[in-house]
C-alpha atoms as a PDB file:
ATOM      1  CA  MET A   1    -222.507 -45.807 -24.300  1.00  0.00           C
ATOM      2  CA  TYR A   2    -219.286 -47.369 -24.878  1.00  0.00           C
ATOM      3  CA  ILE A   3    -217.668 -44.095 -26.156  1.00  0.00           C
ATOM      4  CA  TYR A   4    -219.376 -42.199 -23.339  1.00  0.00           C
ATOM      5  CA  TYR A   5    -217.477 -44.459 -20.749  1.00  0.00           C
ATOM      6  CA  GLU A   6    -214.364 -44.493 -22.448  1.00  0.00           C
ATOM      7  CA  VAL A   7    -214.411 -40.678 -22.447  1.00  0.00           C
ATOM      8  CA  SER A   8    -215.705 -40.694 -18.850  1.00  0.00           C
ATOM      9  CA  TYR A   9    -212.591 -42.989 -17.933  1.00  0.00           C
ATOM     10  CA  LEU A  10    -210.208 -40.644 -19.710  1.00  0.00           C
ATOM     11  CA  MET A  11    -211.563 -37.741 -17.841  1.00  0.00           C
ATOM     12  CA  SER A  12    -211.547 -39.367 -14.466  1.00  0.00           C
ATOM     13  CA  SER A  13    -207.791 -40.530 -15.058  1.00  0.00           C
ATOM     14  CA  VAL A  14    -206.810 -37.108 -16.026  1.00  0.00           C
ATOM     15  CA  ALA A  15    -208.435 -35.742 -12.926  1.00  0.00           C
ATOM     16  CA  THR A  16    -206.918 -38.340 -10.770  1.00  0.00           C
ATOM     17  CA  PHE A  17    -203.440 -37.796 -12.075  1.00  0.00           C
ATOM     18  CA  ARG A  18    -204.027 -33.843 -11.581  1.00  0.00           C
ATOM     19  CA  ASN A  19    -204.631 -34.301  -8.024  1.00  0.00           C
ATOM     20  CA  ILE A  20    -201.303 -36.515  -7.697  1.00  0.00           C
ATOM     21  CA  VAL A  21    -199.629 -33.641  -9.389  1.00  0.00           C
ATOM     22  CA  LEU A  22    -201.355 -31.009  -6.775  1.00  0.00           C
ATOM     23  CA  MET A  23    -200.142 -33.101  -4.004  1.00  0.00           C
ATOM     24  CA  ASN A  24    -196.560 -32.837  -5.427  1.00  0.00           C
ATOM     25  CA  GLN A  25    -196.220 -29.035  -5.736  1.00  0.00           C
ATOM     26  CA  ASP A  26    -192.717 -29.299  -4.127  1.00  0.00           C
ATOM     27  CA  ILE A  27    -191.456 -30.817  -7.203  1.00  0.00           C
ATOM     28  CA  SER A  28    -188.221 -29.004  -8.129  1.00  0.00           C
ATOM     29  CA  ILE A  29    -188.107 -27.766 -11.798  1.00  0.00           C
ATOM     30  CA  ILE A  30    -184.520 -27.326 -13.111  1.00  0.00           C
ATOM     31  CA  GLY A  31    -183.553 -25.795 -16.443  1.00  0.00           C
ATOM     32  CA  HIS A  32    -180.967 -27.978 -18.198  1.00  0.00           C
ATOM     33  CA  ARG A  33    -178.298 -25.749 -19.567  1.00  0.00           C
ATOM     34  CA  GLY A  34    -181.046 -23.188 -19.317  1.00  0.00           C
ATOM     35  CA  ALA A  35    -183.992 -23.698 -21.828  1.00  0.00           C
ATOM     36  CA  PRO A  36    -182.085 -24.983 -24.999  1.00  0.00           C
ATOM     37  CA  GLY A  37    -185.570 -26.249 -26.141  1.00  0.00           C
ATOM     38  CA  LEU A  38    -186.265 -22.540 -26.303  1.00  0.00           C
ATOM     39  CA  LEU A  39    -182.979 -20.526 -26.661  1.00  0.00           C
ATOM     40  CA  PRO A  40    -179.438 -21.320 -27.044  1.00  0.00           C
ATOM     41  CA  GLU A  41    -177.962 -23.549 -24.404  1.00  0.00           C
ATOM     42  CA  GLN A  42    -175.992 -22.097 -21.697  1.00  0.00           C
ATOM     43  CA  SER A  43    -176.375 -18.475 -22.916  1.00  0.00           C
ATOM     44  CA  LEU A  44    -177.456 -15.566 -20.773  1.00  0.00           C
ATOM     45  CA  ALA A  45    -180.502 -15.448 -23.189  1.00  0.00           C
ATOM     46  CA  GLY A  46    -181.363 -18.889 -22.050  1.00  0.00           C
ATOM     47  CA  PHE A  47    -180.829 -18.753 -18.317  1.00  0.00           C
ATOM     48  CA  ALA A  48    -182.952 -15.458 -18.393  1.00  0.00           C
ATOM     49  CA  LYS A  49    -185.679 -17.395 -20.067  1.00  0.00           C
ATOM     50  CA  ALA A  50    -185.828 -20.187 -17.515  1.00  0.00           C
ATOM     51  CA  LEU A  51    -185.887 -17.558 -14.784  1.00  0.00           C
ATOM     52  CA  GLU A  52    -188.681 -15.616 -16.301  1.00  0.00           C
ATOM     53  CA  LEU A  53    -190.748 -18.993 -16.820  1.00  0.00           C
ATOM     54  CA  GLY A  54    -190.201 -19.498 -13.037  1.00  0.00           C
ATOM     55  CA  VAL A  55    -187.449 -22.500 -12.738  1.00  0.00           C
ATOM     56  CA  ASP A  56    -186.419 -23.640  -9.165  1.00  0.00           C
ATOM     57  CA  GLY A  57    -183.069 -23.930 -10.499  1.00  0.00           C
ATOM     58  CA  LEU A  58    -180.717 -23.699 -13.160  1.00  0.00           C
ATOM     59  CA  GLU A  59    -178.247 -26.807 -14.504  1.00  0.00           C
ATOM     60  CA  MET A  60    -175.036 -25.479 -16.022  1.00  0.00           C
ATOM     61  CA  ASP A  61    -171.577 -26.809 -16.421  1.00  0.00           C
ATOM     62  CA  LEU A  62    -168.539 -24.769 -15.352  1.00  0.00           C
ATOM     63  CA  ALA A  63    -165.209 -24.369 -17.028  1.00  0.00           C
ATOM     64  CA  VAL A  64    -162.344 -22.499 -16.144  1.00  0.00           C
ATOM     65  CA  THR A  65    -160.297 -20.421 -18.504  1.00  0.00           C
ATOM     66  CA  ALA A  66    -156.503 -19.724 -19.031  1.00  0.00           C
ATOM     67  CA  ASP A  67    -156.743 -16.468 -16.956  1.00  0.00           C
ATOM     68  CA  ARG A  68    -158.915 -18.244 -14.219  1.00  0.00           C
ATOM     69  CA  ASN A  69    -162.380 -16.857 -14.997  1.00  0.00           C
ATOM     70  CA  VAL A  70    -165.071 -19.563 -14.482  1.00  0.00           C
ATOM     71  CA  VAL A  71    -167.446 -19.592 -17.454  1.00  0.00           C
ATOM     72  CA  ALA A  72    -170.605 -21.930 -18.480  1.00  0.00           C
ATOM     73  CA  TYR A  73    -169.892 -24.269 -21.083  1.00  0.00           C
ATOM     74  CA  HIS A  74    -170.561 -28.051 -21.631  1.00  0.00           C
ATOM     75  CA  ASP A  75    -167.571 -29.311 -23.349  1.00  0.00           C
ATOM     76  CA  ALA A  76    -163.721 -29.179 -22.791  1.00  0.00           C
ATOM     77  CA  GLN A  77    -163.313 -27.785 -26.047  1.00  0.00           C
ATOM     78  CA  LEU A  78    -165.405 -25.459 -28.329  1.00  0.00           C
ATOM     79  CA  ASN A  79    -168.231 -27.139 -30.085  1.00  0.00           C
ATOM     80  CA  PRO A  80    -168.331 -26.689 -33.824  1.00  0.00           C
ATOM     81  CA  VAL A  81    -171.941 -27.517 -33.827  1.00  0.00           C
ATOM     82  CA  ILE A  82    -173.077 -24.238 -31.711  1.00  0.00           C
ATOM     83  CA  THR A  83    -169.858 -21.964 -32.205  1.00  0.00           C
ATOM     84  CA  ARG A  84    -168.998 -19.612 -34.880  1.00  0.00           C
ATOM     85  CA  ASP A  85    -165.858 -17.364 -34.795  1.00  0.00           C
ATOM     86  CA  ALA A  86    -165.716 -13.623 -34.982  1.00  0.00           C
ATOM     87  CA  GLU A  87    -166.547 -13.469 -38.619  1.00  0.00           C
ATOM     88  CA  GLY A  88    -169.766 -15.517 -38.086  1.00  0.00           C
ATOM     89  CA  VAL A  89    -168.113 -18.652 -39.924  1.00  0.00           C
ATOM     90  CA  TRP A  90    -168.692 -22.104 -38.130  1.00  0.00           C
ATOM     91  CA  ILE A  91    -165.523 -23.233 -36.471  1.00  0.00           C
ATOM     92  CA  ASP A  92    -164.060 -26.482 -37.806  1.00  0.00           C
ATOM     93  CA  ASP A  93    -163.160 -29.873 -35.704  1.00  0.00           C
ATOM     94  CA  THR A  94    -159.926 -28.407 -34.598  1.00  0.00           C
ATOM     95  CA  VAL A  95    -159.611 -29.013 -30.564  1.00  0.00           C
ATOM     96  CA  ILE A  96    -159.872 -25.502 -29.093  1.00  0.00           C
ATOM     97  CA  LYS A  97    -159.665 -26.056 -25.444  1.00  0.00           C
ATOM     98  CA  ILE A  98    -161.668 -23.497 -22.874  1.00  0.00           C
ATOM     99  CA  SER A  99    -158.580 -23.761 -20.356  1.00  0.00           C
ATOM    100  CA  GLU A 100    -156.333 -22.750 -23.055  1.00  0.00           C
ATOM    101  CA  LEU A 101    -158.172 -19.563 -24.108  1.00  0.00           C
ATOM    102  CA  THR A 102    -158.483 -16.363 -21.936  1.00  0.00           C
ATOM    103  CA  LEU A 103    -161.953 -14.786 -21.368  1.00  0.00           C
ATOM    104  CA  GLU A 104    -161.290 -11.967 -23.749  1.00  0.00           C
ATOM    105  CA  GLN A 105    -160.407 -14.578 -26.431  1.00  0.00           C
ATOM    106  CA  LEU A 106    -163.588 -16.648 -25.509  1.00  0.00           C
ATOM    107  CA  ARG A 107    -165.601 -13.263 -26.018  1.00  0.00           C
ATOM    108  CA  CYS A 108    -164.703 -13.669 -29.840  1.00  0.00           C
ATOM    109  CA  TYR A 109    -166.976 -16.667 -30.366  1.00  0.00           C
ATOM    110  CA  ASP A 110    -170.833 -16.658 -30.898  1.00  0.00           C
ATOM    111  CA  ILE A 111    -172.773 -19.233 -29.390  1.00  0.00           C
ATOM    112  CA  GLY A 112    -176.230 -17.902 -30.529  1.00  0.00           C
ATOM    113  CA  ARG A 113    -177.377 -20.689 -32.989  1.00  0.00           C
ATOM    114  CA  ILE A 114    -177.067 -24.289 -33.852  1.00  0.00           C
ATOM    115  CA  LYS A 115    -175.334 -25.401 -37.268  1.00  0.00           C
ATOM    116  CA  PRO A 116    -178.107 -26.273 -39.693  1.00  0.00           C
ATOM    117  CA  GLY A 117    -178.164 -29.767 -40.728  1.00  0.00           C
ATOM    118  CA  SER A 118    -176.608 -31.082 -37.803  1.00  0.00           C
ATOM    119  CA  ASP A 119    -178.256 -33.973 -35.418  1.00  0.00           C
ATOM    120  CA  TYR A 120    -178.286 -31.158 -32.543  1.00  0.00           C
ATOM    121  CA  ALA A 121    -180.380 -28.968 -34.995  1.00  0.00           C
ATOM    122  CA  GLU A 122    -182.722 -31.659 -35.690  1.00  0.00           C
ATOM    123  CA  ARG A 123    -183.400 -32.456 -31.736  1.00  0.00           C
ATOM    124  CA  PHE A 124    -183.725 -28.691 -30.995  1.00  0.00           C
ATOM    125  CA  HIS A 125    -185.518 -27.532 -33.965  1.00  0.00           C
ATOM    126  CA  ARG A 126    -187.754 -24.888 -32.384  1.00  0.00           C
ATOM    127  CA  GLN A 127    -184.859 -23.277 -30.671  1.00  0.00           C
ATOM    128  CA  THR A 128    -184.923 -19.602 -31.358  1.00  0.00           C
ATOM    129  CA  PRO A 129    -181.510 -18.237 -32.469  1.00  0.00           C
ATOM    130  CA  VAL A 130    -179.978 -15.333 -30.380  1.00  0.00           C
ATOM    131  CA  ASP A 131    -176.988 -14.059 -32.599  1.00  0.00           C
ATOM    132  CA  GLY A 132    -174.512 -12.420 -30.787  1.00  0.00           C
ATOM    133  CA  SER A 133    -174.553 -14.590 -27.882  1.00  0.00           C
ATOM    134  CA  ARG A 134    -171.416 -15.055 -25.983  1.00  0.00           C
ATOM    135  CA  ILE A 135    -170.257 -17.793 -23.445  1.00  0.00           C
ATOM    136  CA  PRO A 136    -171.142 -16.505 -20.126  1.00  0.00           C
ATOM    137  CA  THR A 137    -169.332 -16.061 -17.002  1.00  0.00           C
ATOM    138  CA  LEU A 138    -170.882 -17.624 -13.693  1.00  0.00           C
ATOM    139  CA  GLU A 139    -170.992 -13.713 -12.476  1.00  0.00           C
ATOM    140  CA  GLU A 140    -173.185 -12.822 -15.303  1.00  0.00           C
ATOM    141  CA  ILE A 141    -175.612 -15.699 -14.796  1.00  0.00           C
ATOM    142  CA  ALA A 142    -175.670 -14.862 -10.857  1.00  0.00           C
ATOM    143  CA  ASN A 143    -176.389 -11.285 -11.801  1.00  0.00           C
ATOM    144  CA  LEU A 144    -179.751 -12.506 -13.495  1.00  0.00           C
ATOM    145  CA  ASP A 145    -181.076 -13.990 -10.428  1.00  0.00           C
ATOM    146  CA  ARG A 146    -180.862 -10.434  -8.995  1.00  0.00           C
ATOM    147  CA  LYS A 147    -182.473  -8.881 -12.142  1.00  0.00           C
ATOM    148  CA  PHE A 148    -185.242 -11.331 -11.859  1.00  0.00           C
ATOM    149  CA  ARG A 149    -185.390 -11.101  -8.152  1.00  0.00           C
ATOM    150  CA  ARG A 150    -185.139 -14.899  -7.849  1.00  0.00           C
ATOM    151  CA  ASN A 151    -183.033 -17.058  -5.489  1.00  0.00           C
ATOM    152  CA  PRO A 152    -182.505 -20.275  -7.781  1.00  0.00           C
ATOM    153  CA  ALA A 153    -180.831 -23.311  -6.881  1.00  0.00           C
ATOM    154  CA  TYR A 154    -177.474 -23.550  -9.135  1.00  0.00           C
ATOM    155  CA  PHE A 155    -177.034 -27.343 -10.160  1.00  0.00           C
ATOM    156  CA  ILE A 156    -173.345 -27.110 -11.192  1.00  0.00           C
ATOM    157  CA  GLU A 157    -171.854 -29.972 -13.045  1.00  0.00           C
ATOM    158  CA  ILE A 158    -168.156 -30.119 -13.188  1.00  0.00           C
ATOM    159  CA  LYS A 159    -166.541 -32.135 -16.382  1.00  0.00           C
ATOM    160  CA  TYR A 160    -162.949 -31.922 -15.342  1.00  0.00           C
ATOM    161  CA  TYR A 161    -162.917 -35.735 -14.730  1.00  0.00           C
ATOM    162  CA  ALA A 162    -160.150 -36.768 -12.696  1.00  0.00           C
ATOM    163  CA  VAL A 163    -160.025 -40.054 -14.660  1.00  0.00           C
ATOM    164  CA  ALA A 164    -159.827 -38.228 -17.860  1.00  0.00           C
ATOM    165  CA  PRO A 165    -159.116 -34.758 -17.633  1.00  0.00           C
ATOM    166  CA  PHE A 166    -160.829 -31.972 -19.728  1.00  0.00           C
ATOM    167  CA  SER A 167    -158.521 -29.650 -18.317  1.00  0.00           C
ATOM    168  CA  ASN A 168    -154.753 -28.675 -18.284  1.00  0.00           C
ATOM    169  CA  ILE A 169    -155.307 -26.593 -14.946  1.00  0.00           C
ATOM    170  CA  PRO A 170    -154.097 -28.754 -12.008  1.00  0.00           C
ATOM    171  CA  ILE A 171    -157.257 -29.944 -10.227  1.00  0.00           C
ATOM    172  CA  GLU A 172    -156.479 -28.450  -6.848  1.00  0.00           C
ATOM    173  CA  GLN A 173    -156.464 -24.887  -8.786  1.00  0.00           C
ATOM    174  CA  PHE A 174    -159.449 -25.834 -10.818  1.00  0.00           C
ATOM    175  CA  VAL A 175    -161.547 -26.836  -7.434  1.00  0.00           C
ATOM    176  CA  GLU A 176    -160.176 -23.692  -5.512  1.00  0.00           C
ATOM    177  CA  VAL A 177    -160.940 -21.293  -8.504  1.00  0.00           C
ATOM    178  CA  ILE A 178    -164.660 -22.536  -9.078  1.00  0.00           C
ATOM    179  CA  VAL A 179    -165.449 -22.600  -4.905  1.00  0.00           C
ATOM    180  CA  SER A 180    -163.903 -19.152  -4.635  1.00  0.00           C
ATOM    181  CA  GLU A 181    -166.109 -17.657  -7.366  1.00  0.00           C
ATOM    182  CA  ILE A 182    -169.136 -19.590  -5.969  1.00  0.00           C
ATOM    183  CA  ASP A 183    -168.393 -18.066  -2.672  1.00  0.00           C
ATOM    184  CA  ARG A 184    -167.482 -14.429  -3.914  1.00  0.00           C
ATOM    185  CA  LEU A 185    -170.803 -14.333  -5.689  1.00  0.00           C
ATOM    186  CA  GLY A 186    -172.882 -15.285  -2.536  1.00  0.00           C
ATOM    187  CA  ILE A 187    -174.433 -18.178  -4.245  1.00  0.00           C
ATOM    188  CA  ALA A 188    -173.153 -20.781  -1.959  1.00  0.00           C
ATOM    189  CA  PRO A 189    -176.230 -21.541   0.170  1.00  0.00           C
ATOM    190  CA  THR A 190    -178.044 -22.844  -3.004  1.00  0.00           C
ATOM    191  CA  ALA A 191    -175.219 -24.204  -5.061  1.00  0.00           C
ATOM    192  CA  ARG A 192    -174.987 -27.651  -5.839  1.00  0.00           C
ATOM    193  CA  ILE A 193    -171.715 -29.520  -7.236  1.00  0.00           C
ATOM    194  CA  HIS A 194    -172.568 -32.708  -8.944  1.00  0.00           C
ATOM    195  CA  SER A 195    -170.533 -34.965 -11.573  1.00  0.00           C
ATOM    196  CA  PHE A 196    -170.471 -38.491 -12.990  1.00  0.00           C
ATOM    197  CA  ASP A 197    -166.993 -38.685 -11.594  1.00  0.00           C
ATOM    198  CA  TRP A 198    -167.186 -39.295  -7.883  1.00  0.00           C
ATOM    199  CA  LYS A 199    -163.587 -39.129  -7.200  1.00  0.00           C
ATOM    200  CA  LEU A 200    -164.135 -35.080  -8.588  1.00  0.00           C
ATOM    201  CA  VAL A 201    -167.244 -34.809  -5.987  1.00  0.00           C
ATOM    202  CA  HIS A 202    -165.110 -35.818  -3.072  1.00  0.00           C
ATOM    203  CA  ALA A 203    -162.200 -33.591  -3.995  1.00  0.00           C
ATOM    204  CA  PHE A 204    -164.605 -30.732  -3.941  1.00  0.00           C
ATOM    205  CA  ARG A 205    -166.446 -31.789  -0.655  1.00  0.00           C
ATOM    206  CA  ARG A 206    -162.950 -32.206   0.986  1.00  0.00           C
ATOM    207  CA  HIS A 207    -162.060 -28.663   0.010  1.00  0.00           C
ATOM    208  CA  ALA A 208    -165.573 -26.914   0.570  1.00  0.00           C
ATOM    209  CA  PRO A 209    -167.792 -28.861   2.805  1.00  0.00           C
ATOM    210  CA  HIS A 210    -170.262 -25.755   3.106  1.00  0.00           C
ATOM    211  CA  LEU A 211    -171.494 -26.465  -0.528  1.00  0.00           C
ATOM    212  CA  GLN A 212    -174.069 -29.149  -1.366  1.00  0.00           C
ATOM    213  CA  TYR A 213    -173.350 -32.076  -3.473  1.00  0.00           C
ATOM    214  CA  ALA A 214    -175.133 -34.605  -5.570  1.00  0.00           C
ATOM    215  CA  TYR A 215    -173.844 -37.915  -7.458  1.00  0.00           C
ATOM    216  CA  LEU A 216    -174.606 -38.396 -11.105  1.00  0.00           C
ATOM    217  CA  THR A 217    -175.001 -41.622 -12.557  1.00  0.00           C
ATOM    218  CA  SER A 218    -175.965 -42.870 -16.068  1.00  0.00           C
ATOM    219  CA  GLN A 219    -177.055 -46.492 -16.830  1.00  0.00           C
ATOM    220  CA  THR A 220    -177.948 -46.366 -20.638  1.00  0.00           C
ATOM    221  CA  GLU A 221    -176.562 -48.579 -23.188  1.00  0.00           C
ATOM    222  CA  THR A 222    -174.233 -45.906 -24.536  1.00  0.00           C
ATOM    223  CA  PHE A 223    -173.212 -44.611 -21.279  1.00  0.00           C
ATOM    224  CA  ASP A 224    -173.017 -46.786 -17.897  1.00  0.00           C
ATOM    225  CA  THR A 225    -171.222 -45.071 -14.980  1.00  0.00           C
ATOM    226  CA  VAL A 226    -172.165 -47.759 -12.324  1.00  0.00           C
ATOM    227  CA  THR A 227    -172.205 -51.403 -13.862  1.00  0.00           C
ATOM    228  CA  GLY A 228    -169.253 -53.130 -14.125  1.00  0.00           C
ATOM    229  CA  GLY A 229    -166.401 -55.084 -12.402  1.00  0.00           C
ATOM    230  CA  ILE A 230    -163.326 -52.847 -12.186  1.00  0.00           C
ATOM    231  CA  GLU A 231    -161.358 -53.288  -8.917  1.00  0.00           C
ATOM    232  CA  PRO A 232    -161.388 -50.374  -6.763  1.00  0.00           C
ATOM    233  CA  LYS A 233    -157.708 -49.944  -6.251  1.00  0.00           C
ATOM    234  CA  GLN A 234    -156.651 -50.121  -9.728  1.00  0.00           C
ATOM    235  CA  ASN A 235    -154.506 -47.168 -11.243  1.00  0.00           C
ATOM    236  CA  TYR A 236    -157.379 -44.707 -12.623  1.00  0.00           C
ATOM    237  CA  GLU A 237    -155.019 -43.136 -15.191  1.00  0.00           C
ATOM    238  CA  SER A 238    -154.367 -46.455 -16.949  1.00  0.00           C
ATOM    239  CA  MET A 239    -158.180 -47.216 -17.191  1.00  0.00           C
ATOM    240  CA  ASN A 240    -160.735 -46.544 -20.030  1.00  0.00           C
ATOM    241  CA  PRO A 241    -162.863 -43.455 -18.715  1.00  0.00           C
ATOM    242  CA  ASN A 242    -165.858 -45.332 -19.600  1.00  0.00           C
ATOM    243  CA  GLN A 243    -165.233 -47.966 -16.880  1.00  0.00           C
ATOM    244  CA  VAL A 244    -167.087 -48.116 -13.808  1.00  0.00           C
ATOM    245  CA  GLY A 245    -164.396 -48.138 -11.265  1.00  0.00           C
ATOM    246  CA  ASN A 246    -163.105 -44.685 -12.420  1.00  0.00           C
ATOM    247  CA  TRP A 247    -166.715 -42.900 -12.290  1.00  0.00           C
ATOM    248  CA  THR A 248    -167.579 -44.177  -8.908  1.00  0.00           C
ATOM    249  CA  ASP A 249    -164.243 -43.431  -7.039  1.00  0.00           C
ATOM    250  CA  GLY A 250    -163.503 -47.411  -7.083  1.00  0.00           C
ATOM    251  CA  MET A 251    -166.793 -48.417  -5.399  1.00  0.00           C
ATOM    252  CA  LEU A 252    -168.599 -51.357  -6.798  1.00  0.00           C
ATOM    253  CA  LEU A 253    -172.249 -51.731  -7.326  1.00  0.00           C
ATOM    254  CA  SER A 254    -171.924 -55.366  -6.380  1.00  0.00           C
ATOM    255  CA  ASP A 255    -170.735 -54.495  -3.041  1.00  0.00           C
ATOM    256  CA  TYR A 256    -173.786 -52.668  -2.272  1.00  0.00           C
ATOM    257  CA  GLY A 257    -176.357 -55.316  -3.378  1.00  0.00           C
ATOM    258  CA  GLY A 258    -176.779 -53.914  -6.648  1.00  0.00           C
ATOM    259  CA  SER A 259    -178.051 -50.684  -5.061  1.00  0.00           C
ATOM    260  CA  VAL A 260    -177.024 -47.203  -6.236  1.00  0.00           C
ATOM    261  CA  PRO A 261    -178.996 -45.467  -3.358  1.00  0.00           C
ATOM    262  CA  LYS A 262    -176.811 -47.460  -0.814  1.00  0.00           C
ATOM    263  CA  MET A 263    -173.759 -46.571  -2.710  1.00  0.00           C
ATOM    264  CA  VAL A 264    -174.750 -42.835  -2.480  1.00  0.00           C
ATOM    265  CA  LYS A 265    -175.227 -43.317   1.112  1.00  0.00           C
ATOM    266  CA  ALA A 266    -172.172 -44.965   1.908  1.00  0.00           C
ATOM    267  CA  THR A 267    -170.248 -41.860   0.584  1.00  0.00           C
ATOM    268  CA  GLY A 268    -172.416 -39.697   2.974  1.00  0.00           C
ATOM    269  CA  GLY A 269    -174.281 -38.358   0.231  1.00  0.00           C
ATOM    270  CA  THR A 270    -177.974 -37.054   0.277  1.00  0.00           C
ATOM    271  CA  ASP A 271    -178.671 -36.401  -3.452  1.00  0.00           C
ATOM    272  CA  TRP A 272    -178.724 -38.721  -6.202  1.00  0.00           C
ATOM    273  CA  HIS A 273    -179.125 -37.382  -9.896  1.00  0.00           C
ATOM    274  CA  ALA A 274    -179.979 -40.096 -12.479  1.00  0.00           C
ATOM    275  CA  ASP A 275    -180.839 -40.635 -15.938  1.00  0.00           C
ATOM    276  CA  TYR A 276    -184.601 -40.969 -15.976  1.00  0.00           C
ATOM    277  CA  GLU A 277    -185.064 -43.877 -17.707  1.00  0.00           C
ATOM    278  CA  SER A 278    -183.164 -46.116 -15.273  1.00  0.00           C
ATOM    279  CA  LEU A 279    -185.274 -44.671 -12.386  1.00  0.00           C
ATOM    280  CA  SER A 280    -188.246 -46.939 -10.874  1.00  0.00           C
ATOM    281  CA  ALA A 281    -190.662 -46.198  -8.195  1.00  0.00           C
ATOM    282  CA  ASP A 282    -189.023 -48.708  -6.267  1.00  0.00           C
ATOM    283  CA  LEU A 283    -185.675 -47.221  -6.537  1.00  0.00           C
ATOM    284  CA  ILE A 284    -186.809 -43.913  -5.578  1.00  0.00           C
ATOM    285  CA  ALA A 285    -188.647 -45.222  -2.529  1.00  0.00           C
ATOM    286  CA  GLU A 286    -185.579 -47.045  -1.504  1.00  0.00           C
ATOM    287  CA  ALA A 287    -183.492 -43.715  -1.863  1.00  0.00           C
ATOM    288  CA  HIS A 288    -185.970 -41.722   0.114  1.00  0.00           C
ATOM    289  CA  SER A 289    -185.979 -44.592   2.987  1.00  0.00           C
ATOM    290  CA  LEU A 290    -182.294 -44.008   3.171  1.00  0.00           C
ATOM    291  CA  GLY A 291    -182.607 -40.244   3.397  1.00  0.00           C
ATOM    292  CA  ILE A 292    -181.681 -39.441  -0.403  1.00  0.00           C
ATOM    293  CA  ARG A 293    -183.354 -36.981  -2.636  1.00  0.00           C
ATOM    294  CA  VAL A 294    -183.614 -38.096  -6.257  1.00  0.00           C
ATOM    295  CA  TYR A 295    -183.598 -35.965  -9.230  1.00  0.00           C
ATOM    296  CA  ALA A 296    -184.118 -37.010 -12.866  1.00  0.00           C
ATOM    297  CA  TRP A 297    -182.016 -35.943 -15.810  1.00  0.00           C
ATOM    298  CA  THR A 298    -182.974 -34.887 -18.798  1.00  0.00           C
ATOM    299  CA  VAL A 299    -186.766 -35.454 -19.005  1.00  0.00           C
ATOM    300  CA  ASN A 300    -188.696 -33.708 -21.958  1.00  0.00           C
ATOM    301  CA  LYS A 301    -191.842 -35.570 -22.463  1.00  0.00           C
ATOM    302  CA  ASN A 302    -195.370 -35.515 -20.590  1.00  0.00           C
ATOM    303  CA  ARG A 303    -195.424 -39.122 -20.210  1.00  0.00           C
ATOM    304  CA  ASP A 304    -191.883 -39.342 -18.484  1.00  0.00           C
ATOM    305  CA  TYR A 305    -193.052 -36.595 -16.351  1.00  0.00           C
ATOM    306  CA  GLU A 306    -196.123 -38.457 -15.131  1.00  0.00           C
ATOM    307  CA  ARG A 307    -194.362 -41.658 -14.365  1.00  0.00           C
ATOM    308  CA  LEU A 308    -191.559 -39.922 -12.444  1.00  0.00           C
ATOM    309  CA  ILE A 309    -194.230 -37.686 -10.603  1.00  0.00           C
ATOM    310  CA  LYS A 310    -196.138 -40.870  -9.513  1.00  0.00           C
ATOM    311  CA  ALA A 311    -192.990 -42.370  -8.764  1.00  0.00           C
ATOM    312  CA  GLY A 312    -192.282 -39.565  -5.952  1.00  0.00           C
ATOM    313  CA  ILE A 313    -189.357 -37.913  -7.718  1.00  0.00           C
ATOM    314  CA  ASP A 314    -187.989 -35.065  -5.965  1.00  0.00           C
ATOM    315  CA  GLY A 315    -186.995 -32.941  -9.084  1.00  0.00           C
ATOM    316  CA  ILE A 316    -186.744 -33.009 -12.755  1.00  0.00           C
ATOM    317  CA  ILE A 317    -184.072 -31.443 -14.853  1.00  0.00           C
ATOM    318  CA  THR A 318    -185.526 -30.546 -18.322  1.00  0.00           C
ATOM    319  CA  ASP A 319    -184.496 -28.747 -22.015  1.00  0.00           C
ATOM    320  CA  TYR A 320    -188.123 -27.559 -21.830  1.00  0.00           C
ATOM    321  CA  PRO A 321    -189.051 -25.894 -18.528  1.00  0.00           C
ATOM    322  CA  ASP A 322    -191.873 -24.524 -19.950  1.00  0.00           C
ATOM    323  CA  ARG A 323    -193.559 -27.888 -20.889  1.00  0.00           C
ATOM    324  CA  LEU A 324    -193.038 -29.140 -17.205  1.00  0.00           C
ATOM    325  CA  ILE A 325    -194.202 -25.850 -15.822  1.00  0.00           C
ATOM    326  CA  GLU A 326    -197.623 -26.095 -17.776  1.00  0.00           C
ATOM    327  CA  PHE A 327    -197.664 -29.981 -16.989  1.00  0.00           C
ATOM    328  CA  LEU A 328    -197.733 -29.513 -13.228  1.00  0.00           C
ATOM    329  CA  GLY A 329    -200.304 -26.631 -13.723  1.00  0.00           C
ATOM    330  CA  ARG A 330    -198.111 -23.606 -12.238  1.00  0.00           C
END
């Protein structure tokens, strides 16, 4: 009898949650760097897989090459954990900046698999290698949505960082090149620029008010961009880039009653992209009351999907879009 009631309760709970999910079918599913849980990150194969699965948007990091081509790559320099040279040899830790290489030079590197034995390989142990994968241009990614006849949102993270520049290209040129390419490719209506560096978001907003923007935050133990006491008018260049005054363009959390949604609202922002661990139902409700949409990154487990969906999240950025799609029953 006890077992019967336990099973009945479990089935009832599952059914109840499924109803909650069905009432939230407008939750956006965003493939983080494509679908790195399945295929190499920010590779054409990975982005194509995400589109094939049916994501609502693609999240990517953009960089600008020495000859002013826009490419998708997470780091300022080539990452030795995912990069091999033309002979298939893993590159060493020598700093090779994206901004100092031409597109042709970048094409010599293979990003089709993860270095065995690395922490990254352990994290994505089910990722299928795709040897011969090259660092893609934004144009090649945009061409994929035409191939799949999709019109995804483009969640474009910029890692130039005005507080600790990742690029030797002047920021004005950097912004101009990326915006011009977004416009040329015709993806401006669904493109959304986001960055942890709010000063950089504001630079883009001034140059291209026709695009959408979002404010990225992290409040983890290892990376906190919103908590601290840096005075807003200090010199950015003299600060440690991990200090809060840098990341929030001088805005202090304490000036807004400890509320990140109120900080975003004060900038005129409409979208907040936060690390999933820092989000609660109360915070999401507060953001919604201020007219702010909330997206969580980077969420990969069912229990976290469930908590965030119950809390009213607008969208979820995930390394495993297949899991989230299955979880939502789409």
